[in-house]
Amino acid sequence: MISALSHLLRLSRAGFVFAREGVFALVDTRPLPVPARTAIALARLIERPSAKDGSSRLAAALSRLGPTYVKLGQFLATRPDVVGTAIARNLESLQDKMPPFPQAEAEATVVAALGKPVAEAYASLGPPVAAASIAQVHRAEIDTESGRKPVAVKILRPGIERRFKVDLDAFFFAARRAEAASLEAQRLRLIEVVNTLARSVALEMDFRLEAAALSEMAENTREDPDFRVPTIDWDRTAREVLTLEWIDGTRLNDRATLEAKGFDLPALGRNVIQSFLRHALRDGFFHADMHPGNLFVDDDGKLVAVDFGIMGRLGPKERRFLAEILFGFITRNYHRVAQVHFDAGYVPRHHSVEAFAQAIRAIGEPIHNRTAEDISMAKLLTLLFEVTGLFDMRTRPELILLQKTMVVVEGVARAFDPKLDMWATADPVVREWIARNLGPVGKLEGAVEGAGEIGRFIGQVPSLLTRAGTLLDQLDDITRDGLVLSPETVEAIGRAEQRRNRWTAAALWTIAALLLWIGWMLVSG
């Protein structure tokens, strides 16, 4: 009861902030039941007159509610299937900037994480140069055989894990209640959405995992002539502390300095696009937060990416899906694009490939009637995912993340060259992947891999037969004697159902009381 009440109080505070910031003005109340419409109408009575216009109201409210809600907003920006395209687009501008925590707390975290005094770990540890919801970054120096070397030290914000846990527990509480009461909430899989957010945050708060992502991408890109990542100092890296090479390059959002240094800006834009596609297609592992603040250009003209807290992965099936879709649109082979969706199992078989190809043609043909600078690959993928919804294609989170990242990198590239031909830029990367994976060499490797899978399956046959025999014996017992529950199990189910009913009733009465209190405050005021 106490935990449920604390969740309700936290969620009520969030609801109050949403109401004050005018977030409920964004809700279309027409399809909602009368009680929900009434509650939203009451909430709008306390809306601030100066509340921001448009969907930016939600970003303002999330920023006021703190780091967990900022992360929630950034995560929902990658899920337009849940919040809608317009809100997702506006949430992309949500800034993850927080006041820095004191230097003494940062040094205490370093001592606890590395098990040694700060003076032994670093020759110097300067003040923070950037601060976000989960961590802040310091410039430091270490002693090497060739002299002092600058490094970047990322330090976890003290107490942030407890803060996230409390807020995420409240999110789970709300998601479970919503799915129990609403079929629409079940369709949107709100519990799964919160689960995914919780996993993402857990990964971001363990810097050893970010270091591992950096190491993996360094291996993948070691032969790339125009892209690299910072090197890791593993001796000074732990769960709460990450030490990296300090990048002295120019950020991609500093256009004036890039121009002053004489960099070819259109070439930089092409490099951003091709690097992203190469990582997604060739490696199946890509940086999913490639905004200009996370991208540098070093003195050699190489693109350097930082902040590997959010990464995307694509399996072989998803990579082939992406390559064939892009190639199909480039060559106007819409039937092939449609067939790829069916081959991947993304569109149910009861639909017609021809009808699906017709819908895809409606997306592709207008593109070929426009000039290159008017064609947006990210917009094309957005329209494609909207059309696939009409054909019962279930949400693919990895493809949604890919599409949202493409929106960002395309925006970066077009900022440098508004006339950038996205298709000509993507074409060599896509053709190279198709020639390598779908040509003769790829087919030969596929045959070898298939033979290996058959061999592994044959080796597992005896154990599969044994398990099948056991399962048949169990099914025979059930069909003969029926499925029997022990008295303890039946009693436990009854107790759980009674508790659930009590919690639901208590939650409803608490919400009703809060609404009455708000109404009384408005009348008396």
Protein backbone atom coordinates (compact mmCIF):
# COMPACT_ATOMS: atom_id res chain seq x y z
CA MET A 1 0.00 0.00 0.00
CA ILE A 2 2.81 2.43 0.96
CA SER A 3 4.74 1.79 -2.28
CA ALA A 4 1.60 2.19 -4.38
CA LEU A 5 0.78 5.47 -2.60
CA SER A 6 4.34 6.77 -3.14
CA HIS A 7 4.09 5.92 -6.85
CA LEU A 8 0.77 7.76 -7.06
CA LEU A 9 2.22 10.81 -5.33
CA ARG A 10 5.21 10.89 -7.70
CA LEU A 11 2.98 10.47 -10.74
CA SER A 12 0.59 13.12 -9.40
CA ARG A 13 3.49 15.57 -9.14
CA ALA A 14 4.39 14.78 -12.74
CA GLY A 15 0.75 15.24 -13.75
CA PHE A 16 0.70 18.63 -11.98
CA VAL A 17 3.81 19.77 -13.88
CA PHE A 18 2.33 18.54 -17.17
CA ALA A 19 -0.86 20.47 -16.43
CA ARG A 20 1.00 23.66 -15.52
CA GLU A 21 3.14 23.45 -18.68
CA GLY A 22 0.10 22.92 -20.92
CA VAL A 23 0.99 19.38 -22.01
CA PHE A 24 -2.64 18.24 -21.86
CA ALA A 25 -3.46 20.72 -24.63
CA LEU A 26 -1.67 18.28 -26.97
CA VAL A 27 -4.10 15.44 -26.17
CA ASP A 28 -6.93 14.74 -28.61
CA THR A 29 -9.76 14.09 -26.16
CA ARG A 30 -12.40 13.13 -28.76
CA PRO A 31 -11.82 9.35 -28.64
CA LEU A 32 -11.47 9.32 -24.83
CA PRO A 33 -14.24 8.26 -22.41
CA VAL A 34 -16.13 10.97 -20.53
CA PRO A 35 -14.23 10.56 -17.18
CA ALA A 36 -10.88 10.99 -18.97
CA ARG A 37 -12.13 14.04 -20.89
CA THR A 38 -13.40 15.56 -17.64
CA ALA A 39 -10.10 14.93 -15.84
CA ILE A 40 -8.12 16.58 -18.68
CA ALA A 41 -10.50 19.55 -18.74
CA LEU A 42 -9.96 20.03 -14.97
CA ALA A 43 -6.19 19.69 -15.37
CA ARG A 44 -6.17 22.39 -18.05
CA LEU A 45 -7.71 24.86 -15.59
CA ILE A 46 -4.34 25.20 -13.82
CA GLU A 47 -2.36 25.67 -17.06
CA ARG A 48 0.06 28.59 -16.89
CA PRO A 49 -0.94 31.46 -19.20
CA SER A 50 2.71 31.68 -20.27
CA ALA A 51 2.96 27.96 -21.13
CA LYS A 52 4.88 27.43 -24.35
CA ASP A 53 3.06 26.83 -27.58
CA GLY A 54 3.21 23.61 -29.58
CA SER A 55 4.70 20.25 -28.74
CA SER A 56 7.68 21.94 -27.04
CA ARG A 57 5.44 22.12 -23.96
CA LEU A 58 6.19 18.46 -23.33
CA ALA A 59 9.95 19.00 -23.58
CA ALA A 60 9.70 21.90 -21.10
CA ALA A 61 7.72 19.77 -18.62
CA LEU A 62 10.14 16.84 -18.87
CA SER A 63 13.11 19.16 -18.28
CA ARG A 64 11.47 20.50 -15.10
CA LEU A 65 10.81 16.98 -13.78
CA GLY A 66 14.48 15.99 -13.78
CA PRO A 67 16.94 13.52 -15.31
CA THR A 68 14.74 10.41 -15.48
CA TYR A 69 12.05 12.28 -17.35
CA VAL A 70 14.62 13.87 -19.68
CA LYS A 71 15.86 10.38 -20.54
CA LEU A 72 12.25 9.25 -20.99
CA GLY A 73 11.70 12.09 -23.45
CA GLN A 74 14.87 11.30 -25.39
CA PHE A 75 13.86 7.65 -25.52
CA LEU A 76 10.32 8.46 -26.70
CA ALA A 77 11.83 10.58 -29.47
CA THR A 78 12.96 7.25 -30.95
CA ARG A 79 9.45 5.75 -30.62
CA PRO A 80 7.03 7.69 -32.86
CA ASP A 81 4.89 4.54 -32.89
CA VAL A 82 4.08 5.30 -29.23
CA VAL A 83 3.87 9.11 -29.05
CA GLY A 84 3.20 10.04 -32.69
CA THR A 85 5.50 11.57 -35.29
CA ALA A 86 4.92 15.24 -34.35
CA ILE A 87 5.73 14.84 -30.65
CA ALA A 88 8.69 12.54 -31.40
CA ARG A 89 10.11 15.16 -33.77
CA ASN A 90 9.86 17.88 -31.13
CA LEU A 91 11.36 15.69 -28.42
CA GLU A 92 14.51 15.35 -30.53
CA SER A 93 15.44 18.87 -29.40
CA LEU A 94 15.27 17.90 -25.71
CA GLN A 95 18.62 18.87 -24.22
CA ASP A 96 20.26 16.59 -21.66
CA LYS A 97 22.07 19.36 -19.76
CA MET A 98 22.18 19.54 -15.98
CA PRO A 99 24.11 21.65 -13.45
CA PRO A 100 27.49 20.07 -12.62
CA PHE A 101 27.97 18.38 -9.27
CA PRO A 102 30.81 19.55 -6.96
CA GLN A 103 34.45 18.70 -7.69
CA ALA A 104 34.81 17.07 -4.25
CA GLU A 105 32.02 14.59 -5.06
CA ALA A 106 33.59 13.83 -8.44
CA GLU A 107 36.95 13.10 -6.81
CA ALA A 108 35.31 10.91 -4.15
CA THR A 109 33.65 8.87 -6.93
CA VAL A 110 37.02 8.43 -8.66
CA VAL A 111 38.67 7.23 -5.44
CA ALA A 112 35.88 4.72 -4.73
CA ALA A 113 35.77 3.44 -8.34
CA LEU A 114 39.50 3.11 -9.02
CA GLY A 115 40.56 2.19 -5.48
CA LYS A 116 43.38 4.74 -5.36
CA PRO A 117 43.82 8.44 -4.56
CA VAL A 118 43.09 10.91 -7.35
CA ALA A 119 46.76 12.01 -7.32
CA GLU A 120 47.85 8.44 -8.11
CA ALA A 121 45.31 7.99 -10.92
CA TYR A 122 45.80 11.37 -12.61
CA ALA A 123 48.51 13.99 -12.69
CA SER A 124 45.69 16.53 -12.60
CA LEU A 125 41.88 16.46 -12.65
CA GLY A 126 40.31 19.72 -13.81
CA PRO A 127 36.78 21.06 -13.26
CA PRO A 128 33.85 19.69 -15.32
CA VAL A 129 33.65 20.81 -18.94
CA ALA A 130 30.18 19.29 -19.61
CA ALA A 131 27.40 17.93 -17.39
CA ALA A 132 24.38 15.78 -18.27
CA SER A 133 21.77 13.80 -16.35
CA ILE A 134 23.85 10.66 -15.82
CA ALA A 135 27.45 11.91 -15.80
CA GLN A 136 29.79 14.82 -16.30
CA VAL A 137 33.11 15.09 -18.15
CA HIS A 138 36.38 16.48 -16.78
CA ARG A 139 39.63 17.28 -18.55
CA ALA A 140 42.55 15.56 -16.83
CA GLU A 141 46.19 14.69 -17.43
CA ILE A 142 48.16 11.48 -16.96
CA ASP A 143 51.91 10.88 -16.82
CA THR A 144 53.38 8.83 -19.67
CA GLU A 145 56.93 8.00 -20.79
CA SER A 146 56.72 10.80 -23.34
CA GLY A 147 55.36 13.35 -20.87
CA ARG A 148 51.93 14.47 -19.72
CA LYS A 149 48.97 13.49 -21.88
CA PRO A 150 45.46 15.02 -21.74
CA VAL A 151 42.51 12.67 -21.22
CA ALA A 152 38.74 12.97 -20.84
CA VAL A 153 37.28 11.55 -17.62
CA LYS A 154 33.56 10.74 -17.51
CA ILE A 155 32.24 10.43 -13.93
CA LEU A 156 28.85 9.04 -12.87
CA ARG A 157 26.59 11.51 -11.06
CA PRO A 158 26.36 10.54 -7.34
CA GLY A 159 23.00 9.10 -6.27
CA ILE A 160 21.70 8.96 -9.82
CA GLU A 161 21.05 5.20 -9.76
CA ARG A 162 18.69 5.55 -6.78
CA ARG A 163 16.90 8.48 -8.43
CA PHE A 164 16.37 6.53 -11.65
CA LYS A 165 15.21 3.41 -9.80
CA VAL A 166 12.50 5.29 -7.88
CA ASP A 167 11.19 7.03 -11.00
CA LEU A 168 11.33 3.89 -13.15
CA ASP A 169 9.39 1.97 -10.49
CA ALA A 170 6.67 4.62 -10.78
CA PHE A 171 6.72 4.28 -14.59
CA PHE A 172 6.28 0.50 -14.27
CA PHE A 173 3.39 1.03 -11.85
CA ALA A 174 1.65 3.38 -14.31
CA ALA A 175 2.31 1.08 -17.31
CA ARG A 176 0.91 -1.98 -15.54
CA ARG A 177 -2.24 -0.12 -14.47
CA ALA A 178 -2.69 1.32 -17.97
CA GLU A 179 -2.37 -2.07 -19.68
CA ALA A 180 -4.79 -3.61 -17.20
CA ALA A 181 -7.39 -0.95 -18.02
CA SER A 182 -6.84 -0.18 -21.72
CA LEU A 183 -6.57 -2.27 -24.87
CA GLU A 184 -4.83 0.66 -26.58
CA ALA A 185 -2.14 0.61 -23.87
CA GLN A 186 -1.73 -3.13 -24.48
CA ARG A 187 -1.34 -2.49 -28.22
CA LEU A 188 1.36 0.09 -27.54
CA ARG A 189 3.06 -2.38 -25.15
CA LEU A 190 3.73 0.25 -22.51
CA ILE A 191 5.32 -2.22 -20.08
CA GLU A 192 7.77 -3.24 -22.80
CA VAL A 193 8.49 0.44 -23.52
CA VAL A 194 9.41 1.05 -19.86
CA ASN A 195 11.42 -2.19 -19.80
CA THR A 196 13.42 -1.04 -22.81
CA LEU A 197 14.04 2.36 -21.21
CA ALA A 198 15.17 0.68 -17.98
CA ARG A 199 17.61 -1.57 -19.86
CA SER A 200 18.97 1.38 -21.83
CA VAL A 201 19.54 3.45 -18.68
CA ALA A 202 21.20 0.49 -16.90
CA LEU A 203 23.63 0.13 -19.82
CA GLU A 204 24.38 3.87 -19.83
CA MET A 205 25.18 3.86 -16.12
CA ASP A 206 27.84 1.16 -16.41
CA PHE A 207 30.78 2.83 -18.14
CA ARG A 208 32.54 -0.51 -18.64
CA LEU A 209 29.84 -1.31 -21.19
CA GLU A 210 30.34 2.02 -22.96
CA ALA A 211 34.06 1.27 -23.06
CA ALA A 212 33.28 -2.14 -24.57
CA ALA A 213 31.12 -0.47 -27.25
CA LEU A 214 33.98 1.90 -28.02
CA SER A 215 36.41 -1.01 -28.25
CA GLU A 216 34.10 -2.94 -30.59
CA MET A 217 33.63 0.02 -32.90
CA ALA A 218 37.38 0.70 -32.88
CA GLU A 219 37.95 -2.85 -34.16
CA ASN A 220 35.20 -2.51 -36.78
CA THR A 221 36.56 0.79 -38.13
CA ARG A 222 40.33 0.27 -37.81
CA GLU A 223 40.72 0.17 -41.62
CA ASP A 224 38.38 3.10 -42.31
CA PRO A 225 40.43 6.00 -43.71
CA ASP A 226 38.08 8.81 -42.61
CA PHE A 227 36.56 7.71 -39.28
CA ARG A 228 37.87 6.76 -35.85
CA VAL A 229 36.93 6.70 -32.16
CA PRO A 230 38.90 7.73 -29.04
CA THR A 231 41.22 5.17 -27.45
CA ILE A 232 40.29 3.80 -24.01
CA ASP A 233 42.47 3.90 -20.91
CA TRP A 234 41.35 0.58 -19.39
CA ASP A 235 43.58 1.02 -16.31
CA ARG A 236 41.57 4.10 -15.33
CA THR A 237 38.12 2.81 -16.30
CA ALA A 238 35.57 1.26 -13.92
CA ARG A 239 31.80 1.09 -13.53
CA GLU A 240 31.50 4.75 -12.45
CA VAL A 241 34.54 6.22 -14.26
CA LEU A 242 35.53 6.17 -17.94
CA THR A 243 38.89 7.54 -19.10
CA LEU A 244 39.42 8.25 -22.80
CA GLU A 245 41.75 9.99 -25.19
CA TRP A 246 41.12 13.74 -25.17
CA ILE A 247 39.95 14.87 -28.61
CA ASP A 248 41.41 18.21 -29.66
CA GLY A 249 39.35 18.35 -32.85
CA THR A 250 36.60 20.75 -33.91
CA ARG A 251 32.98 19.93 -33.18
CA LEU A 252 30.75 19.63 -36.20
CA ASN A 253 28.40 22.24 -34.74
CA ASP A 254 31.24 24.82 -34.88
CA ARG A 255 30.83 25.69 -38.55
CA ALA A 256 32.84 28.93 -38.36
CA THR A 257 35.96 27.17 -37.06
CA LEU A 258 35.59 24.38 -39.62
CA GLU A 259 35.45 26.95 -42.41
CA ALA A 260 38.39 28.88 -40.94
CA LYS A 261 40.49 25.70 -40.92
CA GLY A 262 39.68 25.14 -44.59
CA PHE A 263 37.75 21.87 -44.28
CA ASP A 264 35.62 20.76 -47.27
CA LEU A 265 32.19 20.97 -45.62
CA PRO A 266 30.22 19.08 -48.34
CA ALA A 267 32.81 16.29 -48.12
CA LEU A 268 32.34 16.18 -44.34
CA GLY A 269 28.59 15.82 -44.86
CA ARG A 270 29.09 12.89 -47.24
CA ASN A 271 31.50 11.31 -44.75
CA VAL A 272 28.88 11.47 -41.97
CA ILE A 273 26.27 9.71 -44.14
CA GLN A 274 28.59 7.07 -45.56
CA SER A 275 30.20 6.29 -42.19
CA PHE A 276 26.79 5.76 -40.59
CA LEU A 277 25.56 3.51 -43.43
CA ARG A 278 28.83 1.58 -43.45
CA HIS A 279 28.57 0.89 -39.72
CA ALA A 280 24.90 -0.11 -39.97
CA LEU A 281 25.26 -2.34 -43.05
CA ARG A 282 28.77 -3.73 -42.80
CA ASP A 283 29.08 -4.05 -39.02
CA GLY A 284 25.48 -4.15 -37.81
CA PHE A 285 26.61 -1.85 -34.97
CA PHE A 286 26.14 1.91 -35.14
CA HIS A 287 26.33 5.03 -33.01
CA ALA A 288 22.69 5.94 -32.37
CA ASP A 289 23.28 9.50 -31.11
CA MET A 290 25.26 11.11 -33.94
CA HIS A 291 24.22 14.71 -33.36
CA PRO A 292 26.83 17.41 -34.16
CA GLY A 293 27.87 17.81 -30.52
CA ASN A 294 29.06 14.18 -30.48
CA LEU A 295 31.09 14.46 -33.68
CA PHE A 296 34.53 16.05 -34.10
CA VAL A 297 36.95 16.53 -36.97
CA ASP A 298 40.59 16.03 -36.01
CA ASP A 299 43.53 17.83 -37.61
CA ASP A 300 43.91 15.00 -40.15
CA GLY A 301 40.34 15.54 -41.36
CA LYS A 302 39.04 12.31 -39.80
CA LEU A 303 35.57 12.15 -38.28
CA VAL A 304 35.78 11.27 -34.56
CA ALA A 305 32.67 10.16 -32.65
CA VAL A 306 32.29 10.37 -28.85
CA ASP A 307 29.62 9.43 -26.25
CA PHE A 308 28.79 5.78 -26.93
CA GLY A 309 26.02 5.46 -24.34
CA ILE A 310 23.33 4.77 -26.98
CA MET A 311 24.19 2.18 -29.64
CA GLY A 312 22.13 0.37 -32.26
CA ARG A 313 22.46 -3.19 -33.52
CA LEU A 314 21.16 -4.84 -36.67
CA GLY A 315 21.24 -8.59 -37.26
CA PRO A 316 22.03 -10.10 -40.68
CA LYS A 317 18.32 -10.16 -41.58
CA GLU A 318 17.83 -6.48 -40.71
CA ARG A 319 20.98 -5.47 -42.61
CA ARG A 320 19.84 -7.27 -45.74
CA PHE A 321 16.40 -5.72 -45.29
CA LEU A 322 17.88 -2.20 -45.13
CA ALA A 323 20.28 -2.70 -48.06
CA GLU A 324 17.67 -4.18 -50.36
CA ILE A 325 15.13 -1.49 -49.48
CA LEU A 326 17.58 1.32 -50.27
CA PHE A 327 18.79 -0.42 -53.43
CA GLY A 328 15.20 -1.12 -54.49
CA PHE A 329 14.28 2.54 -54.22
CA ILE A 330 17.47 3.59 -56.03
CA THR A 331 16.64 1.23 -58.94
CA ARG A 332 12.82 1.73 -58.67
CA ASN A 333 12.29 -2.00 -58.14
CA TYR A 334 9.26 -1.66 -55.87
CA HIS A 335 8.20 -5.29 -56.18
CA ARG A 336 11.59 -6.31 -54.80
CA VAL A 337 11.21 -3.88 -51.89
CA ALA A 338 7.80 -5.39 -51.12
CA GLN A 339 9.10 -8.96 -51.41
CA VAL A 340 11.93 -8.20 -48.96
CA HIS A 341 9.33 -7.29 -46.30
CA PHE A 342 7.58 -10.63 -46.82
CA ASP A 343 10.85 -12.62 -46.94
CA ALA A 344 11.91 -11.07 -43.62
CA GLY A 345 8.57 -12.04 -42.08
CA TYR A 346 7.75 -8.42 -41.24
CA VAL A 347 4.44 -8.40 -43.17
CA PRO A 348 1.95 -11.25 -42.57
CA ARG A 349 1.50 -13.68 -45.48
CA HIS A 350 -2.24 -13.08 -45.78
CA HIS A 351 -1.45 -9.74 -47.45
CA SER A 352 -0.71 -9.42 -51.16
CA VAL A 353 2.85 -8.69 -52.29
CA GLU A 354 1.44 -6.84 -55.32
CA ALA A 355 -0.82 -4.62 -53.19
CA PHE A 356 2.09 -3.85 -50.89
CA ALA A 357 4.32 -3.03 -53.87
CA GLN A 358 1.64 -0.62 -55.09
CA ALA A 359 1.69 1.19 -51.73
CA ILE A 360 5.48 1.41 -51.87
CA ARG A 361 5.35 2.77 -55.41
CA ALA A 362 3.20 5.61 -54.07
CA ILE A 363 6.16 6.54 -51.84
CA GLY A 364 8.95 6.01 -54.36
CA GLU A 365 7.63 7.58 -57.53
CA PRO A 366 7.26 11.14 -56.21
CA ILE A 367 10.92 10.97 -55.18
CA HIS A 368 12.09 10.38 -58.74
CA ASN A 369 10.23 13.46 -59.92
CA ARG A 370 12.22 15.74 -57.64
CA THR A 371 15.72 17.12 -57.67
CA ALA A 372 18.36 15.41 -55.57
CA GLU A 373 18.37 18.06 -52.84
CA ASP A 374 14.63 17.60 -52.28
CA ILE A 375 14.93 13.87 -51.59
CA SER A 376 15.11 12.88 -47.91
CA MET A 377 16.11 9.30 -47.23
CA ALA A 378 15.03 9.66 -43.60
CA LYS A 379 11.61 10.95 -44.66
CA LEU A 380 11.30 8.04 -47.08
CA LEU A 381 11.91 5.51 -44.30
CA THR A 382 9.41 7.37 -42.10
CA LEU A 383 6.74 7.14 -44.82
CA LEU A 384 7.65 3.50 -45.41
CA PHE A 385 7.09 2.58 -41.76
CA GLU A 386 3.76 4.44 -41.81
CA VAL A 387 2.63 2.44 -44.86
CA THR A 388 3.77 -0.85 -43.35
CA GLY A 389 1.45 -0.14 -40.42
CA LEU A 390 -1.48 -0.45 -42.83
CA PHE A 391 -0.25 -3.96 -43.65
CA ASP A 392 -0.01 -5.12 -40.01
CA MET A 393 3.78 -4.83 -39.77
CA ARG A 394 4.68 -4.88 -36.09
CA THR A 395 6.98 -2.23 -34.65
CA ARG A 396 10.65 -3.12 -35.03
CA PRO A 397 12.51 -1.07 -32.36
CA GLU A 398 15.91 -1.61 -34.01
CA LEU A 399 14.60 -0.27 -37.34
CA ILE A 400 12.89 2.68 -35.64
CA LEU A 401 16.20 3.56 -33.93
CA LEU A 402 17.97 3.26 -37.28
CA GLN A 403 15.44 5.57 -38.94
CA LYS A 404 15.69 8.17 -36.16
CA THR A 405 19.50 8.14 -36.36
CA MET A 406 19.28 8.59 -40.12
CA VAL A 407 17.12 11.68 -39.54
CA VAL A 408 19.92 13.14 -37.40
CA VAL A 409 22.86 12.29 -39.71
CA GLU A 410 20.94 13.50 -42.75
CA GLY A 411 20.30 16.79 -40.97
CA VAL A 412 24.02 17.11 -40.17
CA ALA A 413 24.99 16.38 -43.79
CA ARG A 414 22.46 18.79 -45.31
CA ALA A 415 23.59 21.56 -42.95
CA PHE A 416 26.96 21.36 -44.72
CA ASP A 417 25.54 20.90 -48.22
CA PRO A 418 21.84 21.76 -48.77
CA LYS A 419 22.08 20.30 -52.31
CA LEU A 420 23.45 16.97 -51.09
CA ASP A 421 22.30 14.05 -53.26
CA MET A 422 21.48 11.47 -50.61
CA TRP A 423 21.04 8.65 -53.10
CA ALA A 424 24.33 9.27 -54.91
CA THR A 425 26.03 9.47 -51.50
CA ALA A 426 24.50 6.21 -50.26
CA ASP A 427 24.78 4.33 -53.55
CA PRO A 428 28.47 3.19 -53.33
CA VAL A 429 28.06 1.94 -49.73
CA VAL A 430 24.84 0.05 -50.54
CA ARG A 431 26.22 -1.42 -53.79
CA GLU A 432 29.40 -2.53 -52.05
CA TRP A 433 27.40 -4.35 -49.38
CA ILE A 434 25.11 -6.01 -51.92
CA ALA A 435 28.04 -7.10 -54.11
CA ARG A 436 29.84 -8.49 -51.06
CA ASN A 437 26.88 -10.24 -49.41
CA LEU A 438 24.46 -11.08 -52.22
CA GLY A 439 27.00 -11.68 -54.99
CA PRO A 440 28.94 -14.91 -55.68
CA VAL A 441 31.26 -14.54 -52.66
CA GLY A 442 28.36 -13.88 -50.31
CA LYS A 443 26.38 -16.84 -51.66
CA LEU A 444 29.38 -19.14 -51.22
CA GLU A 445 29.89 -17.99 -47.61
CA GLY A 446 26.15 -18.41 -47.02
CA ALA A 447 26.31 -21.98 -48.29
CA VAL A 448 29.25 -22.76 -45.98
CA GLU A 449 27.44 -21.20 -43.02
CA GLY A 450 24.28 -23.14 -43.90
CA ALA A 451 26.23 -26.40 -43.95
CA GLY A 452 27.59 -25.57 -40.50
CA GLU A 453 24.07 -24.93 -39.18
CA ILE A 454 22.91 -28.30 -40.55
CA GLY A 455 25.83 -30.00 -38.82
CA ARG A 456 25.05 -28.35 -35.51
CA PHE A 457 21.38 -29.33 -35.84
CA ILE A 458 22.26 -32.99 -36.53
CA GLY A 459 24.46 -32.98 -33.44
CA GLN A 460 21.51 -31.76 -31.33
CA VAL A 461 19.01 -34.34 -32.66
CA PRO A 462 19.52 -36.95 -29.85
CA SER A 463 18.92 -34.38 -27.11
CA LEU A 464 15.90 -32.94 -28.95
CA LEU A 465 14.37 -36.44 -29.25
CA THR A 466 14.90 -37.05 -25.52
CA ARG A 467 13.20 -33.77 -24.59
CA ALA A 468 10.35 -34.48 -27.01
CA GLY A 469 9.76 -37.87 -25.35
CA THR A 470 9.66 -36.27 -21.91
CA LEU A 471 7.19 -33.64 -23.13
CA LEU A 472 4.92 -36.32 -24.64
CA ASP A 473 4.91 -38.23 -21.32
CA GLN A 474 3.91 -35.03 -19.48
CA LEU A 475 1.13 -34.28 -21.98
CA ASP A 476 -0.16 -37.85 -21.60
CA ASP A 477 -0.35 -37.39 -17.80
CA ILE A 478 -2.27 -34.10 -18.22
CA THR A 479 -4.79 -35.53 -20.70
CA ARG A 480 -5.39 -38.58 -18.46
CA ASP A 481 -5.54 -36.88 -15.04
CA GLY A 482 -6.23 -33.25 -15.99
CA LEU A 483 -4.17 -30.19 -15.02
CA VAL A 484 -4.12 -30.17 -11.21
CA LEU A 485 -3.26 -27.14 -9.09
CA SER A 486 -2.14 -27.63 -5.52
CA PRO A 487 -4.33 -26.11 -2.74
CA GLU A 488 -1.47 -23.74 -1.91
CA THR A 489 -1.39 -22.47 -5.51
CA VAL A 490 -5.16 -21.92 -5.59
CA GLU A 491 -5.01 -20.05 -2.27
CA ALA A 492 -2.09 -17.90 -3.49
CA ILE A 493 -3.98 -16.97 -6.67
CA GLY A 494 -6.98 -15.90 -4.55
CA ARG A 495 -4.84 -13.75 -2.27
CA ALA A 496 -3.13 -12.09 -5.25
CA GLU A 497 -6.48 -11.28 -6.85
CA GLN A 498 -7.78 -9.76 -3.61
CA ARG A 499 -4.63 -7.62 -3.27
CA ARG A 500 -4.94 -6.46 -6.89
CA ASN A 501 -8.55 -5.39 -6.33
CA ARG A 502 -7.63 -3.50 -3.15
CA TRP A 503 -4.74 -1.65 -4.89
CA THR A 504 -6.96 -0.72 -7.82
CA ALA A 505 -9.68 0.64 -5.55
CA ALA A 506 -7.15 2.58 -3.46
CA ALA A 507 -5.56 4.06 -6.58
CA LEU A 508 -8.91 5.19 -7.98
CA TRP A 509 -9.96 6.79 -4.66
CA THR A 510 -6.58 8.57 -4.36
CA ILE A 511 -6.83 9.98 -7.89
CA ALA A 512 -10.42 11.09 -7.24
CA ALA A 513 -9.33 12.84 -4.04
CA LEU A 514 -6.50 14.64 -5.83
CA LEU A 515 -8.88 15.87 -8.55
CA LEU A 516 -11.36 17.10 -5.91
CA TRP A 517 -8.53 18.89 -4.09
CA ILE A 518 -7.41 20.61 -7.29
CA GLY A 519 -11.00 21.65 -8.03
CA TRP A 520 -11.48 22.98 -4.48
CA MET A 521 -8.21 24.99 -4.71
CA LEU A 522 -9.38 26.53 -7.98
CA VAL A 523 -12.82 27.45 -6.59
CA SER A 524 -11.49 28.81 -3.32
CA GLY A 525 -8.72 30.72 -5.15
